[in-house]
Amino acid sequence: FHVQDLTGYAWFSLAGAGLAAAAVFAIGSTKGGPDPISLVLAGTA
């Protein structure tokens, strides 16, 4: 998208952080909810 200013970086960064954390949360959660060990392993991967 040829973003060149810090404001644009901030919005893309915030969106990417949210999507990545949501993915880790989904991968690292079991039927009972988020598992601490699974979250760390999913986050590393």
All heavy atoms as atom14 arrays in JSON, in Angstrom:
{
  "sequence": "FHVQDLTGYAWFSLAGAGLAAAAVFAIGSTKGGPDPISLVLAGTA",
  "atom14_mask": [
    [1, 1, 1, 1, 1, 1, 1, 1, 1, 1, 1, 0, 0, 0],
    [1, 1, 1, 1, 1, 1, 1, 1, 1, 1, 0, 0, 0, 0],
    [1, 1, 1, 1, 1, 1, 1, 0, 0, 0, 0, 0, 0, 0],
    [1, 1, 1, 1, 1, 1, 1, 1, 1, 0, 0, 0, 0, 0],
    [1, 1, 1, 1, 1, 1, 1, 1, 0, 0, 0, 0, 0, 0],
    [1, 1, 1, 1, 1, 1, 1, 1, 0, 0, 0, 0, 0, 0],
    [1, 1, 1, 1, 1, 1, 1, 0, 0, 0, 0, 0, 0, 0],
    [1, 1, 1, 1, 0, 0, 0, 0, 0, 0, 0, 0, 0, 0],
    [1, 1, 1, 1, 1, 1, 1, 1, 1, 1, 1, 1, 0, 0],
    [1, 1, 1, 1, 1, 0, 0, 0, 0, 0, 0, 0, 0, 0],
    [1, 1, 1, 1, 1, 1, 1, 1, 1, 1, 1, 1, 1, 1],
    [1, 1, 1, 1, 1, 1, 1, 1, 1, 1, 1, 0, 0, 0],
    [1, 1, 1, 1, 1, 1, 0, 0, 0, 0, 0, 0, 0, 0],
    [1, 1, 1, 1, 1, 1, 1, 1, 0, 0, 0, 0, 0, 0],
    [1, 1, 1, 1, 1, 0, 0, 0, 0, 0, 0, 0, 0, 0],
    [1, 1, 1, 1, 0, 0, 0, 0, 0, 0, 0, 0, 0, 0],
    [1, 1, 1, 1, 1, 0, 0, 0, 0, 0, 0, 0, 0, 0],
    [1, 1, 1, 1, 0, 0, 0, 0, 0, 0, 0, 0, 0, 0],
    [1, 1, 1, 1, 1, 1, 1, 1, 0, 0, 0, 0, 0, 0],
    [1, 1, 1, 1, 1, 0, 0, 0, 0, 0, 0, 0, 0, 0],
    [1, 1, 1, 1, 1, 0, 0, 0, 0, 0, 0, 0, 0, 0],
    [1, 1, 1, 1, 1, 0, 0, 0, 0, 0, 0, 0, 0, 0],
    [1, 1, 1, 1, 1, 0, 0, 0, 0, 0, 0, 0, 0, 0],
    [1, 1, 1, 1, 1, 1, 1, 0, 0, 0, 0, 0, 0, 0],
    [1, 1, 1, 1, 1, 1, 1, 1, 1, 1, 1, 0, 0, 0],
    [1, 1, 1, 1, 1, 0, 0, 0, 0, 0, 0, 0, 0, 0],
    [1, 1, 1, 1, 1, 1, 1, 1, 0, 0, 0, 0, 0, 0],
    [1, 1, 1, 1, 0, 0, 0, 0, 0, 0, 0, 0, 0, 0],
    [1, 1, 1, 1, 1, 1, 0, 0, 0, 0, 0, 0, 0, 0],
    [1, 1, 1, 1, 1, 1, 1, 0, 0, 0, 0, 0, 0, 0],
    [1, 1, 1, 1, 1, 1, 1, 1, 1, 0, 0, 0, 0, 0],
    [1, 1, 1, 1, 0, 0, 0, 0, 0, 0, 0, 0, 0, 0],
    [1, 1, 1, 1, 0, 0, 0, 0, 0, 0, 0, 0, 0, 0],
    [1, 1, 1, 1, 1, 1, 1, 0, 0, 0, 0, 0, 0, 0],
    [1, 1, 1, 1, 1, 1, 1, 1, 0, 0, 0, 0, 0, 0],
    [1, 1, 1, 1, 1, 1, 1, 0, 0, 0, 0, 0, 0, 0],
    [1, 1, 1, 1, 1, 1, 1, 1, 0, 0, 0, 0, 0, 0],
    [1, 1, 1, 1, 1, 1, 0, 0, 0, 0, 0, 0, 0, 0],
    [1, 1, 1, 1, 1, 1, 1, 1, 0, 0, 0, 0, 0, 0],
    [1, 1, 1, 1, 1, 1, 1, 0, 0, 0, 0, 0, 0, 0],
    [1, 1, 1, 1, 1, 1, 1, 1, 0, 0, 0, 0, 0, 0],
    [1, 1, 1, 1, 1, 0, 0, 0, 0, 0, 0, 0, 0, 0],
    [1, 1, 1, 1, 0, 0, 0, 0, 0, 0, 0, 0, 0, 0],
    [1, 1, 1, 1, 1, 1, 1, 0, 0, 0, 0, 0, 0, 0],
    [1, 1, 1, 1, 1, 0, 0, 0, 0, 0, 0, 0, 0, 0]
  ],
  "atom14_positions": [
    [[0.81, -1.22, 0.0], [0.0, 0.0, 0.0], [0.84, 1.27, 0.0], [0.29, 2.37, 0.05], [-0.94, -0.01, 1.22], [-1.89, -1.16, 1.23], [-1.61, -2.3, 1.98], [-3.06, -1.12, 0.49], [-2.49, -3.38, 2.0], [-3.95, -2.19, 0.5], [-3.66, -3.32, 1.26], [0.0, 0.0, 0.0], [0.0, 0.0, 0.0], [0.0, 0.0, 0.0]],
    [[2.16, 1.14, -0.05], [3.09, 2.27, -0.15], [2.88, 3.29, 0.98], [2.92, 4.5, 0.75], [2.93, 2.95, -1.51], [3.06, 2.01, -2.67], [4.25, 1.39, -3.01], [2.12, 1.53, -3.54], [4.05, 0.6, -4.05], [2.77, 0.66, -4.4], [0.0, 0.0, 0.0], [0.0, 0.0, 0.0], [0.0, 0.0, 0.0], [0.0, 0.0, 0.0]],
    [[2.65, 2.8, 2.18], [2.53, 3.68, 3.35], [3.9, 4.22, 3.69], [4.88, 3.47, 3.75], [1.93, 2.91, 4.55], [1.87, 3.79, 5.79], [0.56, 2.38, 4.2], [0.0, 0.0, 0.0], [0.0, 0.0, 0.0], [0.0, 0.0, 0.0], [0.0, 0.0, 0.0], [0.0, 0.0, 0.0], [0.0, 0.0, 0.0], [0.0, 0.0, 0.0]],
    [[3.98, 5.53, 3.96], [5.28, 6.14, 4.2], [5.33, 6.98, 5.48], [6.4, 7.45, 5.85], [5.66, 7.04, 3.01], [5.82, 6.28, 1.71], [6.19, 7.19, 0.56], [6.16, 8.42, 0.68], [6.56, 6.6, -0.57], [0.0, 0.0, 0.0], [0.0, 0.0, 0.0], [0.0, 0.0, 0.0], [0.0, 0.0, 0.0], [0.0, 0.0, 0.0]],
    [[4.22, 7.18, 6.15], [4.21, 8.03, 7.34], [4.01, 7.19, 8.6], [3.49, 6.07, 8.55], [3.12, 9.09, 7.24], [1.74, 8.48, 7.11], [1.41, 7.96, 6.0], [0.99, 8.49, 8.09], [0.0, 0.0, 0.0], [0.0, 0.0, 0.0], [0.0, 0.0, 0.0], [0.0, 0.0, 0.0], [0.0, 0.0, 0.0], [0.0, 0.0, 0.0]],
    [[4.41, 7.75, 9.75], [4.34, 7.04, 11.01], [2.91, 6.74, 11.43], [2.63, 5.73, 12.06], [5.04, 7.86, 12.1], [6.56, 7.99, 11.95], [7.1, 8.96, 12.98], [7.22, 6.63, 12.1], [0.0, 0.0, 0.0], [0.0, 0.0, 0.0], [0.0, 0.0, 0.0], [0.0, 0.0, 0.0], [0.0, 0.0, 0.0], [0.0, 0.0, 0.0]],
    [[1.99, 7.63, 11.07], [0.58, 7.39, 11.4], [0.06, 6.15, 10.69], [-0.64, 5.31, 11.28], [-0.28, 8.61, 11.03], [0.21, 9.76, 11.72], [-1.73, 8.39, 11.42], [0.0, 0.0, 0.0], [0.0, 0.0, 0.0], [0.0, 0.0, 0.0], [0.0, 0.0, 0.0], [0.0, 0.0, 0.0], [0.0, 0.0, 0.0], [0.0, 0.0, 0.0]],
    [[0.42, 6.01, 9.42], [0.02, 4.81, 8.69], [0.64, 3.56, 9.26], [-0.01, 2.52, 9.38], [0.0, 0.0, 0.0], [0.0, 0.0, 0.0], [0.0, 0.0, 0.0], [0.0, 0.0, 0.0], [0.0, 0.0, 0.0], [0.0, 0.0, 0.0], [0.0, 0.0, 0.0], [0.0, 0.0, 0.0], [0.0, 0.0, 0.0], [0.0, 0.0, 0.0]],
    [[1.94, 3.66, 9.66], [2.59, 2.53, 10.29], [1.83, 2.1, 11.55], [1.68, 0.9, 11.82], [4.02, 2.89, 10.7], [4.97, 3.12, 9.56], [6.24, 3.63, 9.78], [4.63, 2.82, 8.24], [7.14, 3.85, 8.75], [5.51, 3.04, 7.2], [6.76, 3.56, 7.45], [7.64, 3.77, 6.43], [0.0, 0.0, 0.0], [0.0, 0.0, 0.0]],
    [[1.37, 3.08, 12.33], [0.7, 2.78, 13.6], [-0.56, 1.96, 13.37], [-0.82, 0.98, 14.08], [0.37, 4.08, 14.34], [0.0, 0.0, 0.0], [0.0, 0.0, 0.0], [0.0, 0.0, 0.0], [0.0, 0.0, 0.0], [0.0, 0.0, 0.0], [0.0, 0.0, 0.0], [0.0, 0.0, 0.0], [0.0, 0.0, 0.0], [0.0, 0.0, 0.0]],
    [[-1.36, 2.35, 12.37], [-2.62, 1.63, 12.14], [-2.38, 0.22, 11.6], [-3.04, -0.73, 12.01], [-3.51, 2.43, 11.2], [-4.19, 3.56, 11.88], [-3.93, 4.89, 11.75], [-5.24, 3.46, 12.85], [-4.75, 5.63, 12.57], [-5.57, 4.78, 13.25], [-5.94, 2.38, 13.42], [-6.56, 5.04, 14.2], [-6.92, 2.65, 14.36], [-7.23, 3.95, 14.74]],
    [[-1.43, 0.08, 10.68], [-1.11, -1.26, 10.18], [-0.53, -2.12, 11.3], [-0.85, -3.3, 11.42], [-0.12, -1.17, 9.02], [-0.78, -1.01, 7.68], [-1.01, 0.24, 7.15], [-1.17, -2.12, 6.95], [-1.64, 0.4, 5.92], [-1.78, -1.99, 5.71], [-2.02, -0.72, 5.19], [0.0, 0.0, 0.0], [0.0, 0.0, 0.0], [0.0, 0.0, 0.0]],
    [[0.33, -1.52, 12.11], [0.92, -2.25, 13.22], [-0.13, -2.73, 14.2], [-0.1, -3.89, 14.65], [1.94, -1.36, 13.93], [2.44, -1.99, 15.08], [0.0, 0.0, 0.0], [0.0, 0.0, 0.0], [0.0, 0.0, 0.0], [0.0, 0.0, 0.0], [0.0, 0.0, 0.0], [0.0, 0.0, 0.0], [0.0, 0.0, 0.0], [0.0, 0.0, 0.0]],
    [[-1.06, -1.87, 14.53], [-2.11, -2.23, 15.49], [-2.99, -3.35, 14.94], [-3.34, -4.3, 15.65], [-2.95, -1.0, 15.82], [-3.79, -1.04, 17.08], [-2.93, -1.32, 18.3], [-4.53, 0.26, 17.26], [0.0, 0.0, 0.0], [0.0, 0.0, 0.0], [0.0, 0.0, 0.0], [0.0, 0.0, 0.0], [0.0, 0.0, 0.0], [0.0, 0.0, 0.0]],
    [[-3.33, -3.24, 13.66], [-4.15, -4.29, 13.04], [-3.41, -5.62, 13.0], [-3.96, -6.68, 13.31], [-4.56, -3.87, 11.63], [0.0, 0.0, 0.0], [0.0, 0.0, 0.0], [0.0, 0.0, 0.0], [0.0, 0.0, 0.0], [0.0, 0.0, 0.0], [0.0, 0.0, 0.0], [0.0, 0.0, 0.0], [0.0, 0.0, 0.0], [0.0, 0.0, 0.0]],
    [[-2.13, -5.59, 12.62], [-1.35, -6.82, 12.56], [-1.17, -7.45, 13.93], [-1.24, -8.67, 14.07], [0.0, 0.0, 0.0], [0.0, 0.0, 0.0], [0.0, 0.0, 0.0], [0.0, 0.0, 0.0], [0.0, 0.0, 0.0], [0.0, 0.0, 0.0], [0.0, 0.0, 0.0], [0.0, 0.0, 0.0], [0.0, 0.0, 0.0], [0.0, 0.0, 0.0]],
    [[-0.95, -6.61, 14.95], [-0.8, -7.13, 16.31], [-2.07, -7.81, 16.77], [-2.04, -8.9, 17.37], [-0.43, -5.99, 17.26], [0.0, 0.0, 0.0], [0.0, 0.0, 0.0], [0.0, 0.0, 0.0], [0.0, 0.0, 0.0], [0.0, 0.0, 0.0], [0.0, 0.0, 0.0], [0.0, 0.0, 0.0], [0.0, 0.0, 0.0], [0.0, 0.0, 0.0]],
    [[-3.21, -7.2, 16.48], [-4.49, -7.78, 16.88], [-4.77, -9.1, 16.19], [-5.2, -10.07, 16.83], [0.0, 0.0, 0.0], [0.0, 0.0, 0.0], [0.0, 0.0, 0.0], [0.0, 0.0, 0.0], [0.0, 0.0, 0.0], [0.0, 0.0, 0.0], [0.0, 0.0, 0.0], [0.0, 0.0, 0.0], [0.0, 0.0, 0.0], [0.0, 0.0, 0.0]],
    [[-4.51, -9.16, 14.89], [-4.77, -10.39, 14.14], [-3.84, -11.52, 14.58], [-4.26, -12.67, 14.73], [-4.61, -10.13, 12.64], [-5.67, -9.22, 12.0], [-5.32, -8.93, 10.55], [-7.06, -9.88, 12.1], [0.0, 0.0, 0.0], [0.0, 0.0, 0.0], [0.0, 0.0, 0.0], [0.0, 0.0, 0.0], [0.0, 0.0, 0.0], [0.0, 0.0, 0.0]],
    [[-2.57, -11.18, 14.82], [-1.63, -12.2, 15.26], [-2.0, -12.74, 16.64], [-1.98, -13.95, 16.88], [-0.21, -11.63, 15.28], [0.0, 0.0, 0.0], [0.0, 0.0, 0.0], [0.0, 0.0, 0.0], [0.0, 0.0, 0.0], [0.0, 0.0, 0.0], [0.0, 0.0, 0.0], [0.0, 0.0, 0.0], [0.0, 0.0, 0.0], [0.0, 0.0, 0.0]],
    [[-2.34, -11.84, 17.56], [-2.73, -12.27, 18.9], [-4.01, -13.11, 18.86], [-4.14, -14.09, 19.6], [-2.92, -11.06, 19.81], [0.0, 0.0, 0.0], [0.0, 0.0, 0.0], [0.0, 0.0, 0.0], [0.0, 0.0, 0.0], [0.0, 0.0, 0.0], [0.0, 0.0, 0.0], [0.0, 0.0, 0.0], [0.0, 0.0, 0.0], [0.0, 0.0, 0.0]],
    [[-4.95, -12.72, 17.99], [-6.18, -13.51, 17.86], [-5.88, -14.91, 17.33], [-6.47, -15.9, 17.79], [-7.16, -12.79, 16.93], [0.0, 0.0, 0.0], [0.0, 0.0, 0.0], [0.0, 0.0, 0.0], [0.0, 0.0, 0.0], [0.0, 0.0, 0.0], [0.0, 0.0, 0.0], [0.0, 0.0, 0.0], [0.0, 0.0, 0.0], [0.0, 0.0, 0.0]],
    [[-4.95, -15.0, 16.38], [-4.58, -16.31, 15.85], [-3.91, -17.17, 16.93], [-4.23, -18.36, 17.07], [-3.62, -16.14, 14.66], [0.0, 0.0, 0.0], [0.0, 0.0, 0.0], [0.0, 0.0, 0.0], [0.0, 0.0, 0.0], [0.0, 0.0, 0.0], [0.0, 0.0, 0.0], [0.0, 0.0, 0.0], [0.0, 0.0, 0.0], [0.0, 0.0, 0.0]],
    [[-3.01, -16.57, 17.7], [-2.36, -17.32, 18.78], [-3.39, -17.75, 19.81], [-3.36, -18.88, 20.32], [-1.27, -16.44, 19.44], [-0.74, -17.1, 20.7], [-0.14, -16.19, 18.45], [0.0, 0.0, 0.0], [0.0, 0.0, 0.0], [0.0, 0.0, 0.0], [0.0, 0.0, 0.0], [0.0, 0.0, 0.0], [0.0, 0.0, 0.0], [0.0, 0.0, 0.0]],
    [[-4.31, -16.85, 20.13], [-5.35, -17.16, 21.11], [-6.21, -18.33, 20.64], [-6.55, -19.22, 21.41], [-6.22, -15.92, 21.33], [-7.18, -16.04, 22.48], [-6.77, -15.79, 23.78], [-8.49, -16.4, 22.27], [-7.65, -15.89, 24.83], [-9.39, -16.52, 23.31], [-8.95, -16.26, 24.61], [0.0, 0.0, 0.0], [0.0, 0.0, 0.0], [0.0, 0.0, 0.0]],
    [[-6.57, -18.33, 19.34], [-7.4, -19.4, 18.8], [-6.65, -20.74, 18.79], [-7.19, -21.78, 19.14], [-7.86, -19.04, 17.39], [0.0, 0.0, 0.0], [0.0, 0.0, 0.0], [0.0, 0.0, 0.0], [0.0, 0.0, 0.0], [0.0, 0.0, 0.0], [0.0, 0.0, 0.0], [0.0, 0.0, 0.0], [0.0, 0.0, 0.0], [0.0, 0.0, 0.0]],
    [[-5.37, -20.7, 18.38], [-4.58, -21.93, 18.3], [-4.29, -22.48, 19.7], [-4.32, -23.69, 19.93], [-3.27, -21.69, 17.54], [-3.57, -21.28, 16.08], [-2.38, -22.93, 17.57], [-2.35, -20.83, 15.32], [0.0, 0.0, 0.0], [0.0, 0.0, 0.0], [0.0, 0.0, 0.0], [0.0, 0.0, 0.0], [0.0, 0.0, 0.0], [0.0, 0.0, 0.0]],
    [[-4.02, -21.59, 20.64], [-3.61, -22.02, 21.97], [-4.74, -22.26, 22.94], [-4.5, -22.48, 24.13], [0.0, 0.0, 0.0], [0.0, 0.0, 0.0], [0.0, 0.0, 0.0], [0.0, 0.0, 0.0], [0.0, 0.0, 0.0], [0.0, 0.0, 0.0], [0.0, 0.0, 0.0], [0.0, 0.0, 0.0], [0.0, 0.0, 0.0], [0.0, 0.0, 0.0]],
    [[-5.98, -22.21, 22.47], [-7.12, -22.43, 23.35], [-7.66, -23.84, 23.15], [-7.7, -24.36, 22.04], [-8.23, -21.41, 23.06], [-7.8, -20.1, 23.36], [0.0, 0.0, 0.0], [0.0, 0.0, 0.0], [0.0, 0.0, 0.0], [0.0, 0.0, 0.0], [0.0, 0.0, 0.0], [0.0, 0.0, 0.0], [0.0, 0.0, 0.0], [0.0, 0.0, 0.0]],
    [[-8.08, -24.43, 24.25], [-8.72, -25.74, 24.22], [-10.22, -25.55, 24.42], [-10.71, -24.42, 24.43], [-8.15, -26.64, 25.31], [-8.4, -26.04, 26.59], [-6.64, -26.8, 25.14], [0.0, 0.0, 0.0], [0.0, 0.0, 0.0], [0.0, 0.0, 0.0], [0.0, 0.0, 0.0], [0.0, 0.0, 0.0], [0.0, 0.0, 0.0], [0.0, 0.0, 0.0]],
    [[-10.93, -26.64, 24.61], [-12.37, -26.53, 24.85], [-12.67, -25.76, 26.13], [-13.71, -25.11, 26.25], [-13.0, -27.92, 24.91], [-12.98, -28.67, 23.59], [-13.66, -30.02, 23.71], [-13.67, -30.76, 22.37], [-14.3, -32.1, 22.49], [0.0, 0.0, 0.0], [0.0, 0.0, 0.0], [0.0, 0.0, 0.0], [0.0, 0.0, 0.0], [0.0, 0.0, 0.0]],
    [[-11.77, -25.84, 27.07], [-11.97, -25.13, 28.33], [-11.52, -23.7, 28.31], [-11.71, -22.98, 29.29], [0.0, 0.0, 0.0], [0.0, 0.0, 0.0], [0.0, 0.0, 0.0], [0.0, 0.0, 0.0], [0.0, 0.0, 0.0], [0.0, 0.0, 0.0], [0.0, 0.0, 0.0], [0.0, 0.0, 0.0], [0.0, 0.0, 0.0], [0.0, 0.0, 0.0]],
    [[-10.88, -23.26, 27.23], [-10.4, -21.89, 27.15], [-8.92, -21.85, 26.87], [-8.29, -22.86, 26.54], [0.0, 0.0, 0.0], [0.0, 0.0, 0.0], [0.0, 0.0, 0.0], [0.0, 0.0, 0.0], [0.0, 0.0, 0.0], [0.0, 0.0, 0.0], [0.0, 0.0, 0.0], [0.0, 0.0, 0.0], [0.0, 0.0, 0.0], [0.0, 0.0, 0.0]],
    [[-8.29, -20.67, 27.01], [-6.86, -20.53, 26.72], [-6.0, -21.26, 27.73], [-6.17, -21.1, 28.93], [-6.63, -19.01, 26.78], [-7.72, -18.5, 27.67], [-8.9, -19.39, 27.42], [0.0, 0.0, 0.0], [0.0, 0.0, 0.0], [0.0, 0.0, 0.0], [0.0, 0.0, 0.0], [0.0, 0.0, 0.0], [0.0, 0.0, 0.0], [0.0, 0.0, 0.0]],
    [[-5.07, -22.06, 27.25], [-4.14, -22.8, 28.11], [-2.79, -22.08, 28.1], [-2.26, -21.8, 27.02], [-3.98, -24.23, 27.61], [-2.97, -25.0, 28.43], [-3.27, -25.31, 29.6], [-1.88, -25.27, 27.9], [0.0, 0.0, 0.0], [0.0, 0.0, 0.0], [0.0, 0.0, 0.0], [0.0, 0.0, 0.0], [0.0, 0.0, 0.0], [0.0, 0.0, 0.0]],
    [[-2.2, -21.76, 29.26], [-0.95, -20.99, 29.3], [0.17, -21.61, 28.5], [0.86, -20.92, 27.73], [-0.62, -20.96, 30.8], [-1.93, -21.1, 31.49], [-2.73, -22.01, 30.61], [0.0, 0.0, 0.0], [0.0, 0.0, 0.0], [0.0, 0.0, 0.0], [0.0, 0.0, 0.0], [0.0, 0.0, 0.0], [0.0, 0.0, 0.0], [0.0, 0.0, 0.0]],
    [[0.38, -22.92, 28.64], [1.47, -23.57, 27.92], [1.2, -23.56, 26.42], [2.1, -23.27, 25.61], [1.64, -25.02, 28.42], [1.9, -25.04, 29.92], [2.79, -25.69, 27.66], [3.13, -24.28, 30.33], [0.0, 0.0, 0.0], [0.0, 0.0, 0.0], [0.0, 0.0, 0.0], [0.0, 0.0, 0.0], [0.0, 0.0, 0.0], [0.0, 0.0, 0.0]],
    [[-0.03, -23.86, 26.04], [-0.37, -23.87, 24.62], [-0.24, -22.48, 24.01], [0.17, -22.34, 22.84], [-1.81, -24.4, 24.42], [-1.93, -25.73, 24.89], [0.0, 0.0, 0.0], [0.0, 0.0, 0.0], [0.0, 0.0, 0.0], [0.0, 0.0, 0.0], [0.0, 0.0, 0.0], [0.0, 0.0, 0.0], [0.0, 0.0, 0.0], [0.0, 0.0, 0.0]],
    [[-0.59, -21.44, 24.76], [-0.46, -20.07, 24.26], [1.0, -19.74, 23.96], [1.31, -19.13, 22.92], [-1.02, -19.08, 25.27], [-2.54, -18.93, 25.34], [-2.92, -17.96, 26.45], [-3.1, -18.45, 24.01], [0.0, 0.0, 0.0], [0.0, 0.0, 0.0], [0.0, 0.0, 0.0], [0.0, 0.0, 0.0], [0.0, 0.0, 0.0], [0.0, 0.0, 0.0]],
    [[1.9, -20.12, 24.85], [3.32, -19.84, 24.64], [3.83, -20.58, 23.41], [4.56, -20.01, 22.58], [4.13, -20.23, 25.9], [5.62, -20.15, 25.62], [3.75, -19.35, 27.07], [0.0, 0.0, 0.0], [0.0, 0.0, 0.0], [0.0, 0.0, 0.0], [0.0, 0.0, 0.0], [0.0, 0.0, 0.0], [0.0, 0.0, 0.0], [0.0, 0.0, 0.0]],
    [[3.48, -21.86, 23.28], [3.93, -22.64, 22.13], [3.35, -22.09, 20.83], [4.05, -21.96, 19.82], [3.53, -24.11, 22.31], [4.21, -24.85, 23.47], [3.65, -26.25, 23.61], [5.72, -24.9, 23.26], [0.0, 0.0, 0.0], [0.0, 0.0, 0.0], [0.0, 0.0, 0.0], [0.0, 0.0, 0.0], [0.0, 0.0, 0.0], [0.0, 0.0, 0.0]],
    [[2.05, -21.75, 20.85], [1.41, -21.19, 19.66], [2.02, -19.85, 19.31], [2.25, -19.53, 18.13], [-0.1, -21.05, 19.89], [0.0, 0.0, 0.0], [0.0, 0.0, 0.0], [0.0, 0.0, 0.0], [0.0, 0.0, 0.0], [0.0, 0.0, 0.0], [0.0, 0.0, 0.0], [0.0, 0.0, 0.0], [0.0, 0.0, 0.0], [0.0, 0.0, 0.0]],
    [[2.29, -19.03, 20.33], [2.89, -17.72, 20.08], [4.27, -17.84, 19.48], [4.63, -17.08, 18.56], [0.0, 0.0, 0.0], [0.0, 0.0, 0.0], [0.0, 0.0, 0.0], [0.0, 0.0, 0.0], [0.0, 0.0, 0.0], [0.0, 0.0, 0.0], [0.0, 0.0, 0.0], [0.0, 0.0, 0.0], [0.0, 0.0, 0.0], [0.0, 0.0, 0.0]],
    [[5.06, -18.79, 19.96], [6.4, -19.0, 19.4], [6.32, -19.42, 17.94], [7.08, -18.92, 17.09], [7.14, -20.06, 20.22], [7.21, -19.65, 21.59], [8.54, -20.27, 19.69], [0.0, 0.0, 0.0], [0.0, 0.0, 0.0], [0.0, 0.0, 0.0], [0.0, 0.0, 0.0], [0.0, 0.0, 0.0], [0.0, 0.0, 0.0], [0.0, 0.0, 0.0]],
    [[5.41, -20.33, 17.63], [5.27, -20.82, 16.25], [4.79, -19.72, 15.32], [5.34, -19.52, 14.22], [4.31, -22.0, 16.22], [0.0, 0.0, 0.0], [0.0, 0.0, 0.0], [0.0, 0.0, 0.0], [0.0, 0.0, 0.0], [0.0, 0.0, 0.0], [0.0, 0.0, 0.0], [0.0, 0.0, 0.0], [0.0, 0.0, 0.0], [0.0, 0.0, 0.0]]
  ]
}
